[in-house]
């Protein structure tokens, strides 16, 4: 745990004390900071909550994406759009007689 000077509410009084907190979880290397409050205690509470949330988030496995094929309708719409753009660009050419 490190204390640091940081911005936040409090105007001129914000940087007088080292009220910001930086927590580092040694096994994982996850680092969180809390500098929103003028109180070191409140920032410490906030930092511990953030660290716990981050560790829980890291524990939840990501669901693998299931590969799907494009539907017939989506293929047709894509090709129709490509034909339309191609025609628009052909008509933009200088000296085009199409």
N, C-alpha and C. Protein backbone atom coordinates (compact mmCIF):
# COMPACT_ATOMS: atom_id res chain seq x y z
N UNK A 1 0.85 -1.17 0.00
CA UNK A 1 0.00 0.00 0.00
C UNK A 1 0.90 1.24 0.00
N UNK A 2 0.58 2.18 -0.88
CA UNK A 2 1.32 3.44 -0.97
C UNK A 2 0.36 4.59 -0.78
N UNK A 3 0.83 5.63 -0.11
CA UNK A 3 0.08 6.87 -0.01
C UNK A 3 0.69 7.85 -0.99
N UNK A 4 -0.16 8.63 -1.65
CA UNK A 4 0.36 9.56 -2.65
C UNK A 4 -0.47 10.83 -2.66
N UNK A 5 0.13 11.87 -3.13
CA UNK A 5 -0.60 13.12 -3.31
C UNK A 5 -1.33 13.06 -4.64
N UNK A 6 -2.57 13.47 -4.62
CA UNK A 6 -3.34 13.39 -5.85
C UNK A 6 -4.45 14.41 -5.84
N UNK A 7 -4.97 14.67 -7.02
CA UNK A 7 -6.05 15.64 -7.14
C UNK A 7 -7.36 15.02 -6.68
N UNK A 8 -8.36 15.84 -6.59
CA UNK A 8 -9.67 15.38 -6.16
C UNK A 8 -10.41 16.54 -5.52
N UNK A 9 -11.57 16.27 -4.90
CA UNK A 9 -12.31 17.34 -4.26
C UNK A 9 -11.50 17.95 -3.12
N UNK A 10 -11.73 19.21 -2.88
CA UNK A 10 -11.06 19.85 -1.77
C UNK A 10 -10.34 21.11 -2.17
N UNK A 11 -10.29 21.39 -3.46
CA UNK A 11 -9.69 22.63 -3.93
C UNK A 11 -8.24 22.76 -3.50
N UNK A 12 -7.93 23.86 -2.83
CA UNK A 12 -6.55 24.13 -2.43
C UNK A 12 -6.05 23.14 -1.40
N UNK A 13 -6.94 22.48 -0.69
CA UNK A 13 -6.52 21.58 0.38
C UNK A 13 -6.23 20.17 -0.13
N UNK A 14 -6.47 19.90 -1.40
CA UNK A 14 -6.37 18.54 -1.91
C UNK A 14 -4.95 17.99 -1.85
N UNK A 15 -3.95 18.82 -2.11
CA UNK A 15 -2.58 18.33 -2.20
C UNK A 15 -1.75 18.59 -0.95
N UNK A 16 -2.37 18.96 0.14
CA UNK A 16 -1.59 19.25 1.34
C UNK A 16 -1.12 17.98 2.03
N UNK A 17 -1.88 16.91 1.91
CA UNK A 17 -1.53 15.66 2.57
C UNK A 17 -1.53 14.55 1.53
N UNK A 18 -0.85 13.48 1.85
CA UNK A 18 -0.84 12.33 0.96
C UNK A 18 -2.04 11.45 1.29
N UNK A 19 -3.19 11.81 0.71
CA UNK A 19 -4.43 11.10 1.02
C UNK A 19 -4.81 10.07 -0.02
N UNK A 20 -4.18 10.12 -1.19
CA UNK A 20 -4.46 9.12 -2.22
C UNK A 20 -3.85 7.79 -1.82
N UNK A 21 -4.51 6.70 -2.20
CA UNK A 21 -4.05 5.36 -1.84
C UNK A 21 -3.85 4.54 -3.12
N UNK A 22 -2.74 3.83 -3.18
CA UNK A 22 -2.48 2.89 -4.28
C UNK A 22 -2.25 1.52 -3.65
N UNK A 23 -3.05 0.56 -4.07
CA UNK A 23 -2.92 -0.81 -3.57
C UNK A 23 -2.40 -1.70 -4.68
N UNK A 24 -1.51 -2.61 -4.32
CA UNK A 24 -0.99 -3.57 -5.29
C UNK A 24 -1.13 -4.96 -4.71
N UNK A 25 -1.77 -5.83 -5.50
CA UNK A 25 -1.93 -7.22 -5.08
C UNK A 25 -0.71 -7.98 -5.59
N UNK A 26 0.16 -8.37 -4.67
CA UNK A 26 1.45 -8.97 -5.03
C UNK A 26 1.34 -10.21 -5.92
N UNK A 27 0.49 -11.21 -5.59
CA UNK A 27 0.48 -12.43 -6.41
C UNK A 27 0.09 -12.18 -7.87
N UNK A 28 -0.85 -11.26 -8.10
CA UNK A 28 -1.33 -11.04 -9.46
C UNK A 28 -0.74 -9.80 -10.11
N UNK A 29 -0.23 -8.88 -9.31
CA UNK A 29 0.30 -7.64 -9.86
C UNK A 29 -0.77 -6.62 -10.17
N UNK A 30 -2.01 -6.85 -9.74
CA UNK A 30 -3.11 -5.92 -10.00
C UNK A 30 -2.90 -4.67 -9.14
N UNK A 31 -3.06 -3.50 -9.75
CA UNK A 31 -2.88 -2.26 -9.01
C UNK A 31 -4.13 -1.40 -9.15
N UNK A 32 -4.59 -0.82 -8.04
CA UNK A 32 -5.74 0.09 -8.05
C UNK A 32 -5.37 1.34 -7.27
N UNK A 33 -6.00 2.45 -7.63
CA UNK A 33 -5.79 3.69 -6.90
C UNK A 33 -7.13 4.31 -6.55
N UNK A 34 -7.12 5.09 -5.49
CA UNK A 34 -8.30 5.85 -5.08
C UNK A 34 -7.82 7.22 -4.61
N UNK A 35 -8.27 8.25 -5.29
CA UNK A 35 -7.84 9.61 -4.95
C UNK A 35 -9.01 10.58 -4.91
N UNK A 36 -10.24 10.05 -4.87
CA UNK A 36 -11.40 10.92 -5.00
C UNK A 36 -11.69 11.72 -3.74
N UNK A 37 -11.42 11.16 -2.58
CA UNK A 37 -11.81 11.79 -1.32
C UNK A 37 -10.64 12.55 -0.69
N UNK A 38 -10.97 13.44 0.24
CA UNK A 38 -9.93 14.16 0.97
C UNK A 38 -9.41 13.33 2.14
N UNK A 39 -10.15 12.31 2.53
CA UNK A 39 -9.77 11.49 3.67
C UNK A 39 -9.00 10.26 3.21
N UNK A 40 -7.87 10.00 3.86
CA UNK A 40 -7.09 8.80 3.53
C UNK A 40 -7.88 7.54 3.85
N UNK A 41 -8.62 7.57 4.95
CA UNK A 41 -9.40 6.40 5.35
C UNK A 41 -10.46 6.08 4.29
N UNK A 42 -11.18 7.10 3.83
CA UNK A 42 -12.21 6.87 2.81
C UNK A 42 -11.58 6.36 1.51
N UNK A 43 -10.43 6.91 1.14
CA UNK A 43 -9.75 6.43 -0.07
C UNK A 43 -9.28 4.99 0.11
N UNK A 44 -8.85 4.62 1.31
CA UNK A 44 -8.41 3.26 1.55
C UNK A 44 -9.58 2.29 1.41
N UNK A 45 -10.73 2.66 1.96
CA UNK A 45 -11.92 1.82 1.83
C UNK A 45 -12.28 1.63 0.35
N UNK A 46 -12.26 2.72 -0.38
CA UNK A 46 -12.59 2.68 -1.80
C UNK A 46 -11.59 1.82 -2.58
N UNK A 47 -10.31 1.95 -2.26
CA UNK A 47 -9.29 1.17 -2.96
C UNK A 47 -9.44 -0.32 -2.68
N UNK A 48 -9.74 -0.69 -1.43
CA UNK A 48 -9.93 -2.10 -1.12
C UNK A 48 -11.15 -2.67 -1.83
N UNK A 49 -12.22 -1.87 -1.93
CA UNK A 49 -13.41 -2.33 -2.66
C UNK A 49 -13.08 -2.55 -4.14
N UNK A 50 -12.32 -1.63 -4.72
CA UNK A 50 -11.95 -1.76 -6.13
C UNK A 50 -11.05 -2.97 -6.35
N UNK A 51 -10.12 -3.19 -5.43
CA UNK A 51 -9.23 -4.34 -5.57
C UNK A 51 -10.01 -5.65 -5.48
N UNK A 52 -10.95 -5.72 -4.53
CA UNK A 52 -11.76 -6.93 -4.40
C UNK A 52 -12.59 -7.16 -5.66
N UNK A 53 -13.17 -6.10 -6.21
CA UNK A 53 -13.98 -6.23 -7.42
C UNK A 53 -13.12 -6.68 -8.59
N UNK A 54 -11.92 -6.15 -8.71
CA UNK A 54 -11.03 -6.52 -9.81
C UNK A 54 -10.61 -7.98 -9.69
N UNK A 55 -10.34 -8.44 -8.46
CA UNK A 55 -9.94 -9.84 -8.28
C UNK A 55 -11.09 -10.78 -8.58
N UNK A 56 -12.31 -10.39 -8.20
CA UNK A 56 -13.48 -11.21 -8.52
C UNK A 56 -13.67 -11.27 -10.03
N UNK A 57 -13.48 -10.14 -10.69
CA UNK A 57 -13.62 -10.09 -12.14
C UNK A 57 -12.59 -10.99 -12.82
N UNK A 58 -11.38 -11.04 -12.27
CA UNK A 58 -10.35 -11.89 -12.86
C UNK A 58 -10.66 -13.37 -12.66
N UNK A 59 -11.40 -13.69 -11.60
CA UNK A 59 -11.71 -15.09 -11.30
C UNK A 59 -12.81 -15.66 -12.20
N UNK A 60 -13.70 -14.80 -12.69
CA UNK A 60 -14.80 -15.30 -13.50
C UNK A 60 -14.27 -15.67 -14.89
N UNK A 61 -14.51 -16.90 -15.32
CA UNK A 61 -14.00 -17.32 -16.63
C UNK A 61 -14.77 -16.65 -17.75
N UNK A 62 -14.08 -16.34 -18.83
CA UNK A 62 -14.73 -15.75 -19.99
C UNK A 62 -15.36 -16.86 -20.81
N UNK A 63 -16.60 -16.64 -21.21
CA UNK A 63 -17.28 -17.64 -22.03
C UNK A 63 -16.72 -17.59 -23.44
N UNK A 64 -16.35 -18.73 -23.99
CA UNK A 64 -15.82 -18.72 -25.35
C UNK A 64 -16.90 -18.35 -26.36
N UNK A 65 -16.50 -17.68 -27.41
CA UNK A 65 -17.44 -17.29 -28.44
C UNK A 65 -17.78 -18.50 -29.28
N UNK A 66 -19.05 -18.67 -29.52
CA UNK A 66 -19.50 -19.76 -30.37
C UNK A 66 -19.55 -19.26 -31.81
N UNK A 67 -18.82 -19.92 -32.68
CA UNK A 67 -18.77 -19.50 -34.08
C UNK A 67 -20.11 -19.77 -34.75
N UNK A 68 -20.61 -18.80 -35.49
CA UNK A 68 -21.88 -18.96 -36.20
C UNK A 68 -21.69 -18.56 -37.66
N UNK A 69 -22.55 -19.08 -38.50
CA UNK A 69 -22.52 -18.72 -39.91
C UNK A 69 -23.47 -17.57 -40.16
N UNK A 70 -23.12 -16.71 -41.13
CA UNK A 70 -24.07 -15.64 -41.48
C UNK A 70 -25.33 -16.23 -42.12
N UNK A 71 -26.46 -15.62 -41.84
CA UNK A 71 -27.71 -16.09 -42.43
C UNK A 71 -27.77 -15.73 -43.91
N UNK A 72 -28.69 -16.36 -44.62
CA UNK A 72 -28.84 -16.09 -46.04
C UNK A 72 -29.26 -14.63 -46.25
N UNK A 73 -30.15 -14.15 -45.42
CA UNK A 73 -30.61 -12.77 -45.54
C UNK A 73 -29.47 -11.77 -45.33
N UNK A 74 -28.61 -12.03 -44.34
CA UNK A 74 -27.51 -11.09 -44.09
C UNK A 74 -26.51 -11.11 -45.25
N UNK A 75 -26.29 -12.28 -45.87
CA UNK A 75 -25.41 -12.34 -47.03
C UNK A 75 -25.98 -11.52 -48.18
N UNK A 76 -27.31 -11.69 -48.41
CA UNK A 76 -27.94 -10.95 -49.51
C UNK A 76 -27.89 -9.45 -49.27
N UNK A 77 -28.14 -9.03 -48.03
CA UNK A 77 -28.08 -7.59 -47.72
C UNK A 77 -26.67 -7.04 -47.92
N UNK A 78 -25.66 -7.81 -47.51
CA UNK A 78 -24.29 -7.36 -47.67
C UNK A 78 -23.92 -7.21 -49.14
N UNK A 79 -24.29 -8.21 -49.94
CA UNK A 79 -23.97 -8.14 -51.36
C UNK A 79 -24.73 -7.01 -52.06
N UNK A 80 -26.01 -6.79 -51.67
CA UNK A 80 -26.78 -5.70 -52.25
C UNK A 80 -26.11 -4.36 -51.92
N UNK A 81 -25.65 -4.22 -50.70
CA UNK A 81 -24.99 -2.99 -50.28
C UNK A 81 -23.69 -2.78 -51.05
N UNK A 82 -22.92 -3.87 -51.25
CA UNK A 82 -21.67 -3.76 -51.99
C UNK A 82 -21.92 -3.37 -53.45
N UNK A 83 -22.96 -3.94 -54.05
CA UNK A 83 -23.28 -3.59 -55.43
C UNK A 83 -23.66 -2.11 -55.54
N UNK A 84 -24.44 -1.64 -54.56
CA UNK A 84 -24.87 -0.24 -54.57
C UNK A 84 -23.67 0.71 -54.44
N UNK A 85 -22.75 0.39 -53.53
CA UNK A 85 -21.57 1.24 -53.35
C UNK A 85 -20.70 1.21 -54.59
N UNK A 86 -20.55 0.05 -55.18
CA UNK A 86 -19.75 -0.07 -56.39
C UNK A 86 -20.32 0.79 -57.50
N UNK A 87 -21.64 0.74 -57.66
CA UNK A 87 -22.28 1.54 -58.69
C UNK A 87 -22.11 3.03 -58.42
N UNK A 88 -22.25 3.42 -57.15
CA UNK A 88 -22.07 4.83 -56.79
C UNK A 88 -20.67 5.30 -57.13
N UNK A 89 -19.67 4.47 -56.82
CA UNK A 89 -18.29 4.87 -57.11
C UNK A 89 -18.02 4.89 -58.61
N UNK A 90 -18.61 3.96 -59.35
CA UNK A 90 -18.44 3.96 -60.81
C UNK A 90 -19.00 5.24 -61.40
N UNK A 91 -20.13 5.70 -60.91
CA UNK A 91 -20.77 6.91 -61.45
C UNK A 91 -19.99 8.17 -61.07
N UNK A 92 -19.18 8.10 -60.03
CA UNK A 92 -18.39 9.27 -59.61
C UNK A 92 -17.18 9.50 -60.51
N UNK A 93 -16.73 8.49 -61.21
CA UNK A 93 -15.52 8.61 -62.02
C UNK A 93 -15.69 9.67 -63.08
N UNK A 94 -14.61 10.42 -63.29
CA UNK A 94 -14.63 11.46 -64.31
C UNK A 94 -14.55 10.80 -65.68
N UNK A 95 -15.39 11.24 -66.62
CA UNK A 95 -15.37 10.70 -67.97
C UNK A 95 -16.09 9.37 -68.07
N UNK A 96 -16.91 9.04 -67.08
CA UNK A 96 -17.62 7.77 -67.10
C UNK A 96 -18.87 7.92 -67.97
N UNK A 97 -19.09 6.94 -68.86
CA UNK A 97 -20.24 6.97 -69.73
C UNK A 97 -21.29 5.95 -69.35
N UNK A 98 -21.15 5.31 -68.20
CA UNK A 98 -22.09 4.26 -67.79
C UNK A 98 -23.40 4.83 -67.34
